[in-house]
Amino acid sequence: MSHGFTAWPEEFASRYRERGYWTGEAFPALLDRVAAEHGAREAVVGTGLDGSPLRLTYTELRDRALRLASALHGLGIGAGERVVVQCGNHPEFAVVVFALFRIGAVPVFALPAHRHAEIGHFLAASGAVAYLHADEENAAAVAGRVPHVRDIASLAGLPPGGPLPEPPAASAVALFQLSGGSTGLPKLIPRTHDDYAYSVRASAEICGLSPETVYLCVLPAAHNFALSSPGILGVLHAGGTVVLAPDGSPDTAFPLIAAERVTMAALVPPLAQVWLRAAPASDADLSTLDLVQVGGARLAPPVAERITPGLGARLQQVFGMAEGLVCYTRDEDPRELVHTTQGRPICDADDEVRVVDDADRDVPPGTEGHLLTRGPYTIRGYWSPRYGDADAHNRAAFTADGFYRTGDLVRRTESGHLVVTGRAKDQINRGGEKIAAAEVEQVLLAHEAVADAAVVSIPDEHLGERSCAYVVAREAAPVKGSALRAHVRRAGLAAFKIPDKVVFVAALPRTAVGKVDKKALRDRHRKDS
């Protein structure tokens, strides 16, 4: 481990370079290349932070990124330093990201839904020197914790900072994505230029992207799915156009599809169902929409079967994780596999996948087991600015020979496609938004009226899963569920983490070793429903 980053063993790194996965092209060079090839073509389209339409060509995107890079360098932000970035779906997001890439600074991608409790954690855990934001409330709450807290809308007014440093090496950490946070607040996922760029390029090839691709980004731009699978970076690599939407509602998205002649969109399952319900009554011309990706959570086969007839587009299922592995269904796959599986890995040769039982023994195809993986774009360890901070978790999250324990339960078909059957970790997948039960429980237990609490997933027809908090109240301090939900909101957690349901119980069921029996709580919900 060096400076908190666990590198690939040289045996593997050499193989990945020799086989052409790692090309040595860092993201600043990628932007220079596509700007030279597609200069006058539109790269990014959307609403600027000032509320007015903003359309940037490839040349304009590169030039704005270089100007901002100079300004940020002039502030003293340098190579290897972390910068928490929180911005909605605005063209300025791309400018900021490429500016940070150019000076070798490392963006830490917060989502718009994250509140000050999470932002404070990201700043501390990453050792960030700056917070670039579009959220004044969060900024006020964390003011003084880092040298630079800047509204992204104001960055264009910064003076240039002189000559730029040398671009970063492709082996350097390019960015930090955030884990789902199954054991508390999210962990930092270090992705290098080489490994992330390979995932982007390979994804773009699998999805058939070209300069004619017009991608509607309705999910948060900083989310790994929207950024790289193939997402914003994949479309820019291919010379296409990214259309950034402020939200994914049909009222917003359908007119954009018609106006911008959108060819591709990426959705989570709940949003796909919303689009399916709205499409028959819409007057918008959706005829250019050719490919709809659905990922972030498992798509139910009956819904999958409705995508093409309902939206007039091909369906591609996507399953992946910010830690690395990404799976896609392919155009050549039989319809049954597209409807019933979550795809197969990007790299046939070197995405190594194991499905194992509780004792780490491999199970045969068709048998449910724990998903383990390693490969040219799957990390070898979480990151920490202080030696040893991540060691204990890494020992649990990775095998001795470098396989990442994803926490997913899957079945593998004879063709190598994966069917996701659940989560082994104590995590709730609420329509693609991951909720760490432990984080919400800690907030609930801080309330003076709560004696004990456990948060579990409960089935939901539209979201896949919702959260239910089982609470033991202190006798002397009666409390209502609405008050506890308000308490979680005041604690600064994202809105999607607020329990959907609160149930008061006399006591929580326990296992033989004294742990809360969450399976019994989920069984109780099924019986009570």
Protein backbone atom coordinates (compact mmCIF):
# COMPACT_ATOMS: atom_id res chain seq x y z
CA MET A 1 0.00 0.00 0.00
CA SER A 2 1.35 3.43 -0.94
CA HIS A 3 -0.31 6.61 0.31
CA GLY A 4 -3.46 4.65 1.04
CA PHE A 5 -3.65 3.03 -2.42
CA THR A 6 -3.36 -0.73 -2.90
CA ALA A 7 -1.79 -1.27 -6.32
CA TRP A 8 -2.20 -4.32 -8.53
CA PRO A 9 0.67 -6.80 -8.11
CA GLU A 10 3.22 -6.30 -10.89
CA GLU A 11 2.44 -9.74 -12.31
CA PHE A 12 -1.11 -8.57 -13.02
CA ALA A 13 -0.23 -5.00 -13.97
CA SER A 14 2.25 -6.24 -16.59
CA ARG A 15 -0.36 -8.59 -18.05
CA TYR A 16 -2.98 -5.82 -18.25
CA ARG A 17 -0.53 -3.53 -20.05
CA GLU A 18 0.66 -6.26 -22.43
CA ARG A 19 -2.92 -7.17 -23.35
CA GLY A 20 -3.78 -3.56 -24.13
CA TYR A 21 -6.20 -2.90 -21.30
CA TRP A 22 -3.99 -0.23 -19.79
CA THR A 23 -2.78 2.07 -22.56
CA GLY A 24 -1.05 4.80 -20.56
CA GLU A 25 -3.56 7.45 -21.68
CA ALA A 26 -4.70 9.57 -18.74
CA PHE A 27 -7.97 11.51 -18.93
CA PRO A 28 -6.35 14.87 -19.86
CA ALA A 29 -4.86 13.20 -22.93
CA LEU A 30 -8.25 11.65 -23.73
CA LEU A 31 -9.87 15.11 -23.72
CA ASP A 32 -7.09 16.54 -25.90
CA ARG A 33 -7.54 13.68 -28.36
CA VAL A 34 -11.32 13.93 -28.70
CA ALA A 35 -11.15 17.74 -28.90
CA ALA A 36 -8.71 17.40 -31.82
CA GLU A 37 -10.94 14.83 -33.53
CA HIS A 38 -14.37 16.35 -32.87
CA GLY A 39 -13.65 19.99 -32.02
CA ALA A 40 -16.79 21.66 -33.40
CA ARG A 41 -19.20 18.88 -32.45
CA GLU A 42 -21.33 19.38 -29.38
CA ALA A 43 -19.94 17.50 -26.40
CA VAL A 44 -22.14 18.48 -23.45
CA VAL A 45 -25.60 20.08 -23.47
CA GLY A 46 -27.72 21.15 -20.52
CA THR A 47 -28.78 23.91 -18.19
CA GLY A 48 -25.94 25.89 -16.68
CA LEU A 49 -25.71 26.67 -12.99
CA ASP A 50 -27.06 30.16 -13.75
CA GLY A 51 -30.25 28.63 -15.15
CA SER A 52 -29.57 29.39 -18.80
CA PRO A 53 -29.00 26.85 -21.60
CA LEU A 54 -25.37 25.86 -22.04
CA ARG A 55 -24.01 23.95 -25.04
CA LEU A 56 -20.29 23.18 -25.15
CA THR A 57 -18.41 21.86 -28.16
CA TYR A 58 -15.44 19.58 -27.62
CA THR A 59 -13.09 22.51 -28.16
CA GLU A 60 -15.02 24.67 -25.70
CA LEU A 61 -15.08 21.91 -23.09
CA ARG A 62 -11.32 21.46 -23.35
CA ASP A 63 -10.59 25.20 -23.28
CA ARG A 64 -12.85 25.85 -20.28
CA ALA A 65 -11.30 22.91 -18.45
CA LEU A 66 -7.78 24.22 -19.12
CA ARG A 67 -8.68 27.73 -17.90
CA LEU A 68 -10.23 26.35 -14.74
CA ALA A 69 -7.28 24.01 -14.22
CA SER A 70 -4.96 27.01 -14.26
CA ALA A 71 -7.17 28.87 -11.78
CA LEU A 72 -7.40 25.92 -9.38
CA HIS A 73 -3.66 25.38 -9.63
CA GLY A 74 -3.25 29.05 -8.76
CA LEU A 75 -5.22 28.45 -5.55
CA GLY A 76 -2.58 25.94 -4.56
CA ILE A 77 -4.52 22.75 -5.37
CA GLY A 78 -1.96 20.28 -6.63
CA ALA A 79 -1.34 16.78 -7.89
CA GLY A 80 -2.64 14.01 -5.68
CA GLU A 81 -4.73 16.30 -3.50
CA ARG A 82 -8.36 15.37 -2.98
CA VAL A 83 -11.27 17.64 -3.84
CA VAL A 84 -14.85 16.79 -2.90
CA VAL A 85 -17.11 17.68 -5.85
CA GLN A 86 -20.88 17.98 -5.45
CA CYS A 87 -22.73 19.21 -8.49
CA GLY A 88 -26.02 18.35 -10.15
CA ASN A 89 -26.46 17.53 -13.82
CA HIS A 90 -24.99 20.68 -15.30
CA PRO A 91 -22.37 21.08 -18.06
CA GLU A 92 -20.07 22.73 -15.49
CA PHE A 93 -19.70 19.30 -13.88
CA ALA A 94 -17.69 18.06 -16.87
CA VAL A 95 -15.57 21.22 -16.88
CA VAL A 96 -14.68 20.85 -13.20
CA VAL A 97 -13.86 17.15 -13.49
CA PHE A 98 -11.54 17.56 -16.46
CA ALA A 99 -9.91 20.60 -14.84
CA LEU A 100 -9.08 18.55 -11.76
CA PHE A 101 -7.84 15.69 -13.93
CA ARG A 102 -5.49 18.09 -15.73
CA ILE A 103 -3.68 19.26 -12.58
CA GLY A 104 -3.58 15.76 -11.17
CA ALA A 105 -6.00 16.57 -8.35
CA VAL A 106 -8.42 13.79 -7.43
CA PRO A 107 -12.19 14.44 -7.39
CA VAL A 108 -14.19 12.70 -4.67
CA PHE A 109 -17.64 12.29 -6.19
CA ALA A 110 -20.44 13.23 -3.80
CA LEU A 111 -24.00 12.92 -5.04
CA PRO A 112 -26.51 15.79 -4.96
CA ALA A 113 -28.58 13.90 -2.37
CA HIS A 114 -25.73 13.76 0.15
CA ARG A 115 -26.16 16.12 3.09
CA HIS A 116 -23.67 17.75 5.43
CA ALA A 117 -23.13 14.65 7.59
CA GLU A 118 -21.93 12.71 4.56
CA ILE A 119 -20.00 15.64 3.07
CA GLY A 120 -18.17 16.10 6.35
CA HIS A 121 -17.26 12.41 6.33
CA PHE A 122 -15.95 12.58 2.74
CA LEU A 123 -13.82 15.61 3.59
CA ALA A 124 -12.32 13.96 6.65
CA ALA A 125 -11.88 10.47 5.20
CA SER A 126 -10.22 11.73 2.02
CA GLY A 127 -8.10 14.42 3.63
CA ALA A 128 -9.55 16.82 1.06
CA VAL A 129 -8.18 20.32 0.55
CA ALA A 130 -11.29 21.67 -1.13
CA TYR A 131 -15.06 21.29 -1.47
CA LEU A 132 -16.46 22.47 -4.81
CA HIS A 133 -20.21 22.62 -4.54
CA ALA A 134 -23.57 23.81 -5.80
CA ASP A 135 -25.22 23.50 -2.38
CA GLU A 136 -24.99 26.50 -0.07
CA GLU A 137 -26.60 24.69 2.86
CA ASN A 138 -23.96 21.96 2.85
CA ALA A 139 -21.22 24.53 2.30
CA ALA A 140 -22.30 26.53 5.33
CA ALA A 141 -22.38 23.38 7.47
CA VAL A 142 -18.80 22.36 6.59
CA ALA A 143 -17.23 25.82 6.33
CA GLY A 144 -13.80 25.96 7.93
CA ARG A 145 -13.08 22.24 7.61
CA VAL A 146 -10.99 22.61 4.44
CA PRO A 147 -8.93 25.49 2.99
CA HIS A 148 -11.17 25.97 -0.04
CA VAL A 149 -14.98 25.89 -0.09
CA ARG A 150 -16.09 27.25 -3.46
CA ASP A 151 -19.40 27.53 -5.28
CA ILE A 152 -18.85 25.97 -8.69
CA ALA A 153 -20.81 28.79 -10.35
CA SER A 154 -18.20 31.25 -9.09
CA LEU A 155 -15.17 29.35 -10.39
CA ALA A 156 -15.32 30.94 -13.83
CA GLY A 157 -14.41 34.26 -12.21
CA LEU A 158 -11.14 33.01 -10.74
CA PRO A 159 -7.97 34.50 -12.27
CA PRO A 160 -5.55 32.21 -14.13
CA GLY A 161 -2.79 30.72 -12.05
CA GLY A 162 0.12 30.56 -14.43
CA PRO A 163 1.63 27.60 -16.28
CA LEU A 164 0.07 24.21 -15.69
CA PRO A 165 2.05 21.35 -14.17
CA GLU A 166 2.87 18.17 -16.06
CA PRO A 167 -0.24 16.00 -16.61
CA PRO A 168 -0.66 13.03 -14.25
CA ALA A 169 0.65 9.57 -15.02
CA ALA A 170 -1.97 7.07 -16.14
CA SER A 171 -1.03 4.87 -13.17
CA ALA A 172 -2.01 7.63 -10.72
CA VAL A 173 -5.31 7.68 -8.87
CA ALA A 174 -7.72 9.65 -11.06
CA LEU A 175 -10.84 9.79 -8.89
CA PHE A 176 -12.66 8.41 -5.90
CA GLN A 177 -16.05 6.83 -6.22
CA LEU A 178 -18.00 5.99 -3.08
CA SER A 179 -18.92 2.54 -1.87
CA GLY A 180 -22.50 1.60 -1.06
CA GLY A 181 -21.57 1.91 2.60
CA SER A 182 -22.84 -1.47 3.79
CA THR A 183 -21.03 -1.11 7.12
CA GLY A 184 -21.64 2.59 7.75
CA LEU A 185 -20.66 5.71 5.85
CA PRO A 186 -19.27 5.09 2.35
CA LYS A 187 -15.67 4.03 1.84
CA LEU A 188 -13.41 5.63 -0.76
CA ILE A 189 -12.81 3.68 -3.96
CA PRO A 190 -9.57 4.68 -5.74
CA ARG A 191 -9.73 4.36 -9.52
CA THR A 192 -6.65 5.04 -11.63
CA HIS A 193 -6.66 6.69 -15.05
CA ASP A 194 -5.54 3.43 -16.65
CA ASP A 195 -8.12 1.11 -15.09
CA TYR A 196 -11.08 3.49 -15.28
CA ALA A 197 -10.30 4.47 -18.88
CA TYR A 198 -10.19 0.81 -19.88
CA SER A 199 -13.63 0.24 -18.37
CA VAL A 200 -14.91 3.32 -20.23
CA ARG A 201 -13.43 2.33 -23.60
CA ALA A 202 -14.54 -1.29 -23.39
CA SER A 203 -18.02 -0.27 -22.30
CA ALA A 204 -18.31 2.16 -25.20
CA GLU A 205 -17.31 -0.59 -27.62
CA ILE A 206 -19.78 -3.13 -26.18
CA CYS A 207 -22.58 -0.56 -26.36
CA GLY A 208 -21.72 0.46 -29.93
CA LEU A 209 -21.18 4.16 -29.19
CA SER A 210 -20.17 6.50 -32.03
CA PRO A 211 -20.14 10.23 -32.84
CA GLU A 212 -23.83 9.84 -33.64
CA THR A 213 -24.67 8.77 -30.07
CA VAL A 214 -26.78 11.24 -28.10
CA TYR A 215 -26.88 10.14 -24.47
CA LEU A 216 -29.52 11.41 -22.06
CA CYS A 217 -28.07 11.49 -18.54
CA VAL A 218 -30.98 11.47 -16.10
CA LEU A 219 -29.19 9.76 -13.19
CA PRO A 220 -26.74 11.80 -11.07
CA ALA A 221 -23.77 12.57 -13.31
CA ALA A 222 -21.25 11.63 -10.63
CA HIS A 223 -22.73 8.17 -10.12
CA ASN A 224 -20.50 5.43 -11.49
CA PHE A 225 -23.28 4.10 -13.79
CA ALA A 226 -23.92 7.52 -15.32
CA LEU A 227 -20.25 8.48 -15.48
CA SER A 228 -18.60 5.41 -16.92
CA SER A 229 -20.89 2.52 -17.91
CA PRO A 230 -20.35 3.78 -20.57
CA GLY A 231 -22.01 7.01 -19.44
CA ILE A 232 -20.64 10.50 -19.87
CA LEU A 233 -17.01 9.50 -20.26
CA GLY A 234 -17.83 6.71 -22.71
CA VAL A 235 -19.88 9.02 -24.90
CA LEU A 236 -17.14 11.67 -24.90
CA HIS A 237 -14.55 9.01 -25.75
CA ALA A 238 -16.71 8.06 -28.77
CA GLY A 239 -17.25 11.66 -29.89
CA GLY A 240 -20.98 11.69 -29.13
CA THR A 241 -23.13 14.21 -27.29
CA VAL A 242 -24.13 14.14 -23.62
CA VAL A 243 -27.47 15.73 -22.74
CA LEU A 244 -27.69 16.41 -19.01
CA ALA A 245 -31.22 16.33 -17.59
CA PRO A 246 -32.07 17.84 -14.19
CA ASP A 247 -34.25 14.84 -13.39
CA GLY A 248 -35.58 11.68 -14.98
CA SER A 249 -39.31 12.36 -14.85
CA PRO A 250 -41.14 11.81 -18.15
CA ASP A 251 -42.24 15.46 -18.10
CA THR A 252 -38.58 16.46 -18.23
CA ALA A 253 -36.96 13.59 -20.11
CA PHE A 254 -39.43 12.95 -22.93
CA PRO A 255 -39.31 16.50 -24.38
CA LEU A 256 -35.50 16.36 -24.21
CA ILE A 257 -35.48 13.07 -26.11
CA ALA A 258 -37.57 14.68 -28.83
CA ALA A 259 -35.71 18.00 -28.95
CA GLU A 260 -32.15 16.61 -28.83
CA ARG A 261 -32.84 13.45 -30.87
CA VAL A 262 -31.61 11.27 -28.02
CA THR A 263 -30.51 7.76 -28.99
CA MET A 264 -29.59 6.28 -25.58
CA ALA A 265 -30.58 6.57 -21.93
CA ALA A 266 -29.66 4.81 -18.68
CA LEU A 267 -32.29 4.17 -16.02
CA VAL A 268 -32.76 2.41 -12.70
CA PRO A 269 -35.69 -0.08 -12.54
CA PRO A 270 -38.18 2.21 -10.74
CA LEU A 271 -37.61 4.97 -13.30
CA ALA A 272 -37.95 2.49 -16.15
CA GLN A 273 -41.40 1.59 -14.83
CA VAL A 274 -42.36 5.26 -14.60
CA TRP A 275 -41.35 5.76 -18.23
CA LEU A 276 -43.33 2.70 -19.29
CA ARG A 277 -46.46 4.01 -17.61
CA ALA A 278 -46.07 7.50 -19.09
CA ALA A 279 -45.07 6.64 -22.67
CA PRO A 280 -48.52 5.67 -24.05
CA ALA A 281 -50.00 9.02 -23.09
CA SER A 282 -47.03 11.16 -24.17
CA ASP A 283 -47.09 13.32 -27.30
CA ALA A 284 -43.27 13.50 -27.36
CA ASP A 285 -41.48 11.90 -30.29
CA LEU A 286 -39.40 9.07 -28.78
CA SER A 287 -38.61 7.46 -32.12
CA THR A 288 -34.88 8.24 -32.00
CA LEU A 289 -34.45 6.34 -28.72
CA ASP A 290 -32.56 3.19 -29.72
CA LEU A 291 -31.05 1.81 -26.49
CA VAL A 292 -32.29 1.84 -22.92
CA GLN A 293 -29.89 0.61 -20.28
CA VAL A 294 -31.32 -0.51 -16.95
CA GLY A 295 -29.09 -1.08 -13.94
CA GLY A 296 -28.50 -0.11 -10.33
CA ALA A 297 -30.81 -2.85 -9.06
CA ARG A 298 -32.23 -6.06 -10.46
CA LEU A 299 -34.83 -5.59 -13.18
CA ALA A 300 -37.77 -7.95 -12.83
CA PRO A 301 -38.17 -10.12 -15.95
CA PRO A 302 -41.83 -9.10 -16.52
CA VAL A 303 -40.72 -5.44 -16.60
CA ALA A 304 -37.75 -6.28 -18.83
CA GLU A 305 -40.11 -7.84 -21.37
CA ARG A 306 -42.07 -4.57 -21.60
CA ILE A 307 -39.14 -2.22 -22.34
CA THR A 308 -38.86 -2.75 -26.09
CA PRO A 309 -42.58 -2.76 -26.93
CA GLY A 310 -43.27 0.05 -24.45
CA LEU A 311 -40.42 2.43 -25.31
CA GLY A 312 -39.49 1.27 -28.81
CA ALA A 313 -35.84 0.74 -27.83
CA ARG A 314 -33.48 -2.16 -27.31
CA LEU A 315 -32.96 -3.20 -23.69
CA GLN A 316 -29.53 -3.65 -22.18
CA GLN A 317 -29.23 -4.83 -18.61
CA VAL A 318 -26.22 -3.53 -16.67
CA PHE A 319 -24.85 -4.84 -13.40
CA GLY A 320 -21.77 -3.43 -11.78
CA MET A 321 -20.16 -1.73 -8.86
CA ALA A 322 -18.02 1.34 -8.31
CA GLU A 323 -15.26 -0.99 -7.10
CA GLY A 324 -14.88 -2.34 -10.63
CA LEU A 325 -16.69 -5.25 -12.28
CA VAL A 326 -19.30 -4.26 -14.87
CA CYS A 327 -21.54 -6.72 -16.73
CA TYR A 328 -23.69 -6.07 -19.80
CA THR A 329 -26.15 -8.04 -21.84
CA ARG A 330 -25.17 -7.90 -25.51
CA ASP A 331 -27.08 -7.37 -28.74
CA GLU A 332 -26.25 -10.92 -29.80
CA ASP A 333 -27.69 -12.43 -26.62
CA PRO A 334 -30.93 -14.39 -26.94
CA ARG A 335 -33.94 -12.43 -25.77
CA GLU A 336 -34.39 -14.71 -22.76
CA LEU A 337 -30.91 -13.85 -21.45
CA VAL A 338 -31.53 -10.12 -21.96
CA HIS A 339 -34.78 -10.36 -20.01
CA THR A 340 -33.66 -12.66 -17.20
CA THR A 341 -29.96 -11.97 -16.52
CA GLN A 342 -27.86 -8.97 -15.60
CA GLY A 343 -25.27 -9.64 -18.29
CA ARG A 344 -21.72 -10.94 -18.38
CA PRO A 345 -18.44 -9.17 -17.58
CA ILE A 346 -16.72 -6.70 -19.88
CA CYS A 347 -13.48 -8.64 -20.24
CA ASP A 348 -13.87 -12.28 -21.25
CA ALA A 349 -10.20 -13.08 -20.71
CA ASP A 350 -9.32 -11.29 -17.48
CA ASP A 351 -12.50 -10.45 -15.56
CA GLU A 352 -12.11 -13.35 -13.16
CA VAL A 353 -15.38 -14.32 -11.49
CA ARG A 354 -15.96 -16.85 -8.73
CA VAL A 355 -19.30 -17.85 -7.20
CA VAL A 356 -18.70 -19.49 -3.84
CA ASP A 357 -20.49 -20.87 -0.82
CA ASP A 358 -20.07 -19.62 2.76
CA ALA A 359 -16.78 -21.52 3.02
CA ASP A 360 -15.36 -19.94 -0.18
CA ARG A 361 -15.80 -23.18 -2.13
CA ASP A 362 -16.79 -22.70 -5.78
CA VAL A 363 -20.34 -23.74 -6.59
CA PRO A 364 -21.53 -25.14 -9.94
CA PRO A 365 -23.38 -23.03 -12.53
CA GLY A 366 -26.99 -22.41 -11.59
CA THR A 367 -26.28 -22.50 -7.85
CA GLU A 368 -26.64 -19.37 -5.77
CA GLY A 369 -23.46 -18.14 -4.10
CA HIS A 370 -21.35 -15.15 -3.12
CA LEU A 371 -19.83 -13.19 -6.02
CA LEU A 372 -16.05 -12.69 -5.94
CA THR A 373 -14.10 -10.93 -8.68
CA ARG A 374 -10.75 -9.50 -9.71
CA GLY A 375 -9.57 -8.01 -12.97
CA PRO A 376 -7.99 -5.09 -14.85
CA TYR A 377 -10.44 -2.50 -13.51
CA THR A 378 -11.45 -3.94 -10.12
CA ILE A 379 -9.68 -2.39 -7.15
CA ARG A 380 -7.37 -4.32 -4.84
CA GLY A 381 -8.27 -2.32 -1.74
CA TYR A 382 -10.18 0.66 -0.38
CA TRP A 383 -8.23 3.84 0.22
CA SER A 384 -7.27 5.64 3.41
CA PRO A 385 -5.06 8.71 3.91
CA ARG A 386 -3.60 7.16 7.07
CA TYR A 387 -1.72 3.90 7.00
CA GLY A 388 -3.69 1.04 8.48
CA ASP A 389 -7.09 2.76 8.44
CA ALA A 390 -8.46 0.52 5.72
CA ASP A 391 -6.43 -2.59 6.50
CA ALA A 392 -8.99 -4.35 8.69
CA HIS A 393 -11.82 -3.74 6.25
CA ASN A 394 -9.67 -4.73 3.28
CA ARG A 395 -8.82 -8.04 4.92
CA ALA A 396 -12.55 -8.76 5.13
CA ALA A 397 -13.48 -7.32 1.72
CA PHE A 398 -10.71 -8.99 -0.31
CA THR A 399 -9.36 -12.51 -0.37
CA ALA A 400 -5.68 -13.16 0.21
CA ASP A 401 -5.21 -13.58 -3.56
CA GLY A 402 -6.94 -10.31 -4.44
CA PHE A 403 -10.55 -11.22 -5.21
CA TYR A 404 -13.07 -8.57 -4.16
CA ARG A 405 -16.00 -9.86 -2.10
CA THR A 406 -18.81 -7.90 -3.70
CA GLY A 407 -21.50 -8.80 -1.15
CA ASP A 408 -23.83 -9.84 -3.97
CA LEU A 409 -25.57 -13.20 -4.17
CA VAL A 410 -25.72 -14.46 -7.74
CA ARG A 411 -26.29 -17.47 -9.96
CA ARG A 412 -24.05 -17.94 -12.98
CA THR A 413 -25.50 -19.45 -16.15
CA GLU A 414 -23.64 -21.84 -18.41
CA SER A 415 -23.05 -18.90 -20.78
CA GLY A 416 -21.32 -16.88 -18.04
CA HIS A 417 -24.20 -14.47 -17.50
CA LEU A 418 -25.02 -13.50 -13.92
CA VAL A 419 -28.43 -13.44 -12.27
CA VAL A 420 -28.39 -11.25 -9.17
CA THR A 421 -30.47 -12.84 -6.42
CA GLY A 422 -29.78 -10.60 -3.40
CA ARG A 423 -27.28 -9.02 -1.04
CA ALA A 424 -25.27 -10.75 1.63
CA LYS A 425 -24.32 -7.45 3.25
CA ASP A 426 -26.57 -5.55 5.62
CA GLN A 427 -27.53 -3.02 3.02
CA ILE A 428 -30.82 -1.84 1.51
CA ASN A 429 -31.03 -1.18 -2.22
CA ARG A 430 -33.81 1.40 -2.50
CA GLY A 431 -34.31 1.81 -6.25
CA GLY A 432 -30.56 1.82 -6.85
CA GLU A 433 -29.75 4.05 -3.86
CA LYS A 434 -27.74 2.07 -1.30
CA ILE A 435 -28.57 2.53 2.39
CA ALA A 436 -26.27 1.22 5.10
CA ALA A 437 -28.56 -0.01 7.86
CA ALA A 438 -25.90 0.62 10.52
CA GLU A 439 -25.63 4.31 9.64
CA VAL A 440 -29.37 4.94 10.05
CA GLU A 441 -29.51 2.80 13.21
CA GLN A 442 -26.78 4.91 14.81
CA VAL A 443 -28.77 8.08 14.16
CA LEU A 444 -31.96 6.55 15.55
CA LEU A 445 -30.17 5.35 18.68
CA ALA A 446 -29.00 8.91 19.32
CA HIS A 447 -32.62 9.98 19.91
CA GLU A 448 -33.44 10.26 23.60
CA ALA A 449 -36.68 8.29 23.21
CA VAL A 450 -35.09 5.27 21.48
CA ALA A 451 -33.80 2.32 23.47
CA ASP A 452 -32.99 0.05 20.53
CA ALA A 453 -33.39 0.08 16.77
CA ALA A 454 -32.84 -2.10 13.71
CA VAL A 455 -33.29 -1.12 10.07
CA VAL A 456 -34.15 -3.81 7.50
CA SER A 457 -35.25 -4.03 3.90
CA ILE A 458 -38.85 -4.74 3.03
CA PRO A 459 -40.12 -5.58 -0.47
CA ASP A 460 -41.57 -2.82 -2.63
CA GLU A 461 -43.25 -3.26 -6.00
CA HIS A 462 -41.69 -0.16 -7.55
CA LEU A 463 -38.40 0.40 -5.71
CA GLY A 464 -37.46 -3.22 -5.20
CA GLU A 465 -36.75 -2.56 -1.54
CA ARG A 466 -37.77 0.05 1.04
CA SER A 467 -36.43 0.59 4.54
CA CYS A 468 -38.28 -0.25 7.72
CA ALA A 469 -37.02 0.78 11.16
CA TYR A 470 -38.03 -1.45 14.05
CA VAL A 471 -37.77 0.65 17.19
CA VAL A 472 -37.89 -0.11 20.91
CA ALA A 473 -38.97 3.08 22.66
CA ARG A 474 -37.95 4.12 26.16
CA GLU A 475 -41.02 3.88 28.38
CA ALA A 476 -40.53 7.32 29.86
CA ALA A 477 -40.20 9.02 26.49
CA PRO A 478 -43.04 8.17 24.09
CA VAL A 479 -42.33 9.14 20.51
CA LYS A 480 -44.07 8.97 17.15
CA GLY A 481 -42.63 7.53 13.97
CA SER A 482 -42.90 10.91 12.25
CA ALA A 483 -40.72 12.45 14.95
CA LEU A 484 -38.03 9.82 14.42
CA ARG A 485 -38.08 10.34 10.66
CA ALA A 486 -37.71 14.09 11.25
CA HIS A 487 -34.80 13.34 13.60
CA VAL A 488 -33.00 11.40 10.85
CA ARG A 489 -33.63 14.26 8.44
CA ARG A 490 -32.20 16.81 10.90
CA ALA A 491 -29.09 14.65 11.35
CA GLY A 492 -28.14 15.60 7.81
CA LEU A 493 -28.56 12.25 6.06
CA ALA A 494 -29.74 12.02 2.47
CA ALA A 495 -33.51 11.94 2.02
CA PHE A 496 -33.47 8.40 0.62
CA LYS A 497 -31.98 7.16 3.92
CA ILE A 498 -34.95 8.31 6.01
CA PRO A 499 -36.88 5.17 7.00
CA ASP A 500 -39.93 4.61 4.82
CA LYS A 501 -41.69 2.90 7.69
CA VAL A 502 -41.27 2.92 11.48
CA VAL A 503 -42.64 0.04 13.56
CA PHE A 504 -42.55 0.05 17.36
CA VAL A 505 -41.87 -3.26 19.09
CA ALA A 506 -41.42 -4.32 22.70
CA ALA A 507 -38.05 -5.94 21.96
CA LEU A 508 -35.87 -6.88 19.02
CA PRO A 509 -35.42 -10.58 18.26
CA ARG A 510 -31.91 -11.90 18.90
CA THR A 511 -29.84 -14.76 17.54
CA ALA A 512 -28.15 -17.33 19.76
CA VAL A 513 -25.04 -15.16 19.93
CA GLY A 514 -26.99 -12.04 20.88
CA LYS A 515 -27.08 -10.24 17.52
CA VAL A 516 -30.27 -8.68 16.24
CA ASP A 517 -32.06 -11.27 14.11
CA LYS A 518 -32.92 -9.24 11.03
CA LYS A 519 -34.18 -12.26 9.16
CA ALA A 520 -36.82 -12.66 11.87
CA LEU A 521 -37.78 -8.98 11.44
CA ARG A 522 -38.16 -9.40 7.69
CA ASP A 523 -40.21 -12.56 8.26
CA ARG A 524 -42.39 -10.61 10.69
CA HIS A 525 -43.04 -7.96 8.06
CA ARG A 526 -44.09 -10.60 5.54
CA LYS A 527 -46.51 -12.13 8.05
CA ASP A 528 -47.94 -8.74 9.03
CA SER A 529 -48.40 -7.57 5.43
